[in-house]
Every structure is written in C-alpha cells, then in structure tokens.
Amino acid sequence: MADLQRTQNFSSVQEKQVSVREVLEKVYQALVEKGYNPVNQIVGYIMSGDPTYVTNYGGARTLISKVERDEILEELMKVYIEVMQSRY
C-alpha cells in the first residue's frame, strides 16, 4: 500500500517537438497521397479551424492540430518572404 503521507513523484513522457515546417511537409504529403489539393485543404483549415479539412491519413490531422493556426501562417509567410527575397 502506498504511503499517503509522502509526496509522490510522477514523471511524464515528453513528446518530441516537431517544427511547424515539418508538420506542414507531412500534412502536405498526406493530402497529396490521398488525392486532395493540399493548398485548398490547408487554407480551409487555417481559415475555419475545422480539422476535417485535413485527412486523417498518416496521422496528419492529429499532427496539424498540435500546431496553432497563427504559427502555421507565420511559417508560411517566412518561407514566402525567403523565396521572394531570393528572386531579387
């Protein structure tokens, strides 16, 4: 029987942090593999917050739900600006 007078120590398992870029790459690939237009589906998700815009295939829906939508927009803008700057 446990000693209820002592403080118990609980260790949780830390999930591996995945970058927003990695999430988008995996979600993009899952959408392509399932035959969806990934741009339309990701925009639909960002605009509405409805995770059903993203397929469950390969855990993509769960993965994208772990990232805030504003973080996704921020990453997309960073990449867009990098591409635009590299052109000039």
Protein backbone atom coordinates (compact mmCIF):
# COMPACT_ATOMS: atom_id res chain seq x y z
CA MET A 1 0.00 0.00 0.00
CA ALA A 2 1.28 3.49 -0.85
CA ASP A 3 2.39 5.84 1.91
CA LEU A 4 -0.16 8.68 1.67
CA GLN A 5 1.94 10.90 3.93
CA ARG A 6 4.71 11.25 1.36
CA THR A 7 4.69 13.27 -1.84
CA GLN A 8 4.64 11.04 -4.88
CA ASN A 9 6.84 11.85 -7.86
CA PHE A 10 5.27 11.49 -11.31
CA SER A 11 7.32 11.68 -14.50
CA SER A 12 5.50 12.35 -17.72
CA VAL A 13 6.82 11.35 -21.09
CA GLN A 14 7.71 14.41 -23.14
CA GLU A 15 6.53 14.34 -26.74
CA LYS A 16 9.14 15.10 -29.34
CA GLN A 17 8.77 18.68 -30.55
CA VAL A 18 8.13 18.85 -34.27
CA SER A 19 8.71 22.08 -36.15
CA VAL A 20 5.84 23.79 -37.93
CA ARG A 21 7.70 23.29 -41.20
CA GLU A 22 7.92 19.54 -40.60
CA VAL A 23 4.22 19.42 -39.74
CA LEU A 24 3.31 21.24 -42.94
CA GLU A 25 5.54 18.96 -45.01
CA LYS A 26 3.97 15.82 -43.55
CA VAL A 27 0.43 17.15 -43.85
CA TYR A 28 1.09 18.28 -47.43
CA GLN A 29 2.41 14.84 -48.36
CA ALA A 30 -0.56 13.06 -46.76
CA LEU A 31 -3.02 15.29 -48.64
CA VAL A 32 -1.22 14.67 -51.96
CA GLU A 33 -1.14 10.91 -51.36
CA LYS A 34 -4.89 10.90 -50.73
CA GLY A 35 -5.57 12.90 -53.89
CA TYR A 36 -6.57 16.21 -52.30
CA ASN A 37 -5.46 19.68 -53.35
CA PRO A 38 -3.15 20.45 -50.40
CA VAL A 39 -3.26 24.23 -50.84
CA ASN A 40 -7.06 24.34 -50.77
CA GLN A 41 -7.28 21.97 -47.82
CA ILE A 42 -4.66 23.74 -45.70
CA VAL A 43 -6.19 27.16 -46.44
CA GLY A 44 -9.61 25.77 -45.48
CA TYR A 45 -8.18 24.54 -42.20
CA ILE A 46 -6.41 27.82 -41.43
CA MET A 47 -9.48 29.92 -42.25
CA SER A 48 -12.04 27.81 -40.40
CA GLY A 49 -10.12 25.92 -37.74
CA ASP A 50 -12.05 22.82 -38.80
CA PRO A 51 -9.60 19.89 -38.65
CA THR A 52 -11.72 17.83 -41.08
CA TYR A 53 -10.11 19.80 -43.92
CA VAL A 54 -7.04 17.66 -43.23
CA THR A 55 -7.07 13.93 -43.88
CA ASN A 56 -6.59 11.52 -41.01
CA TYR A 57 -4.25 9.52 -43.26
CA GLY A 58 -0.82 9.10 -41.74
CA GLY A 59 -1.86 10.97 -38.59
CA ALA A 60 -1.90 14.28 -40.49
CA ARG A 61 -5.00 15.63 -38.73
CA THR A 62 -3.59 14.91 -35.29
CA LEU A 63 -0.27 16.40 -36.27
CA ILE A 64 -1.67 19.68 -37.61
CA SER A 65 -3.93 20.01 -34.56
CA LYS A 66 -0.83 20.20 -32.35
CA VAL A 67 0.22 23.47 -34.01
CA GLU A 68 -1.56 26.79 -33.58
CA ARG A 69 -3.00 28.20 -36.80
CA ASP A 70 -1.20 31.52 -36.30
CA GLU A 71 2.10 29.60 -36.11
CA ILE A 72 1.25 27.96 -39.44
CA LEU A 73 0.57 31.35 -41.03
CA GLU A 74 3.80 32.72 -39.60
CA GLU A 75 5.82 29.85 -41.06
CA LEU A 76 4.13 30.19 -44.45
CA MET A 77 4.90 33.90 -44.54
CA LYS A 78 8.54 33.32 -43.56
CA VAL A 79 9.01 30.84 -46.39
CA TYR A 80 7.18 33.06 -48.87
CA ILE A 81 9.35 36.06 -47.96
CA GLU A 82 12.53 33.95 -48.19
CA VAL A 83 11.52 32.83 -51.69
CA MET A 84 10.66 36.36 -52.78
CA GLN A 85 13.94 37.76 -51.43
CA SER A 86 15.95 35.07 -53.21
CA ARG A 87 14.47 36.20 -56.52
CA TYR A 88 15.79 39.74 -56.25
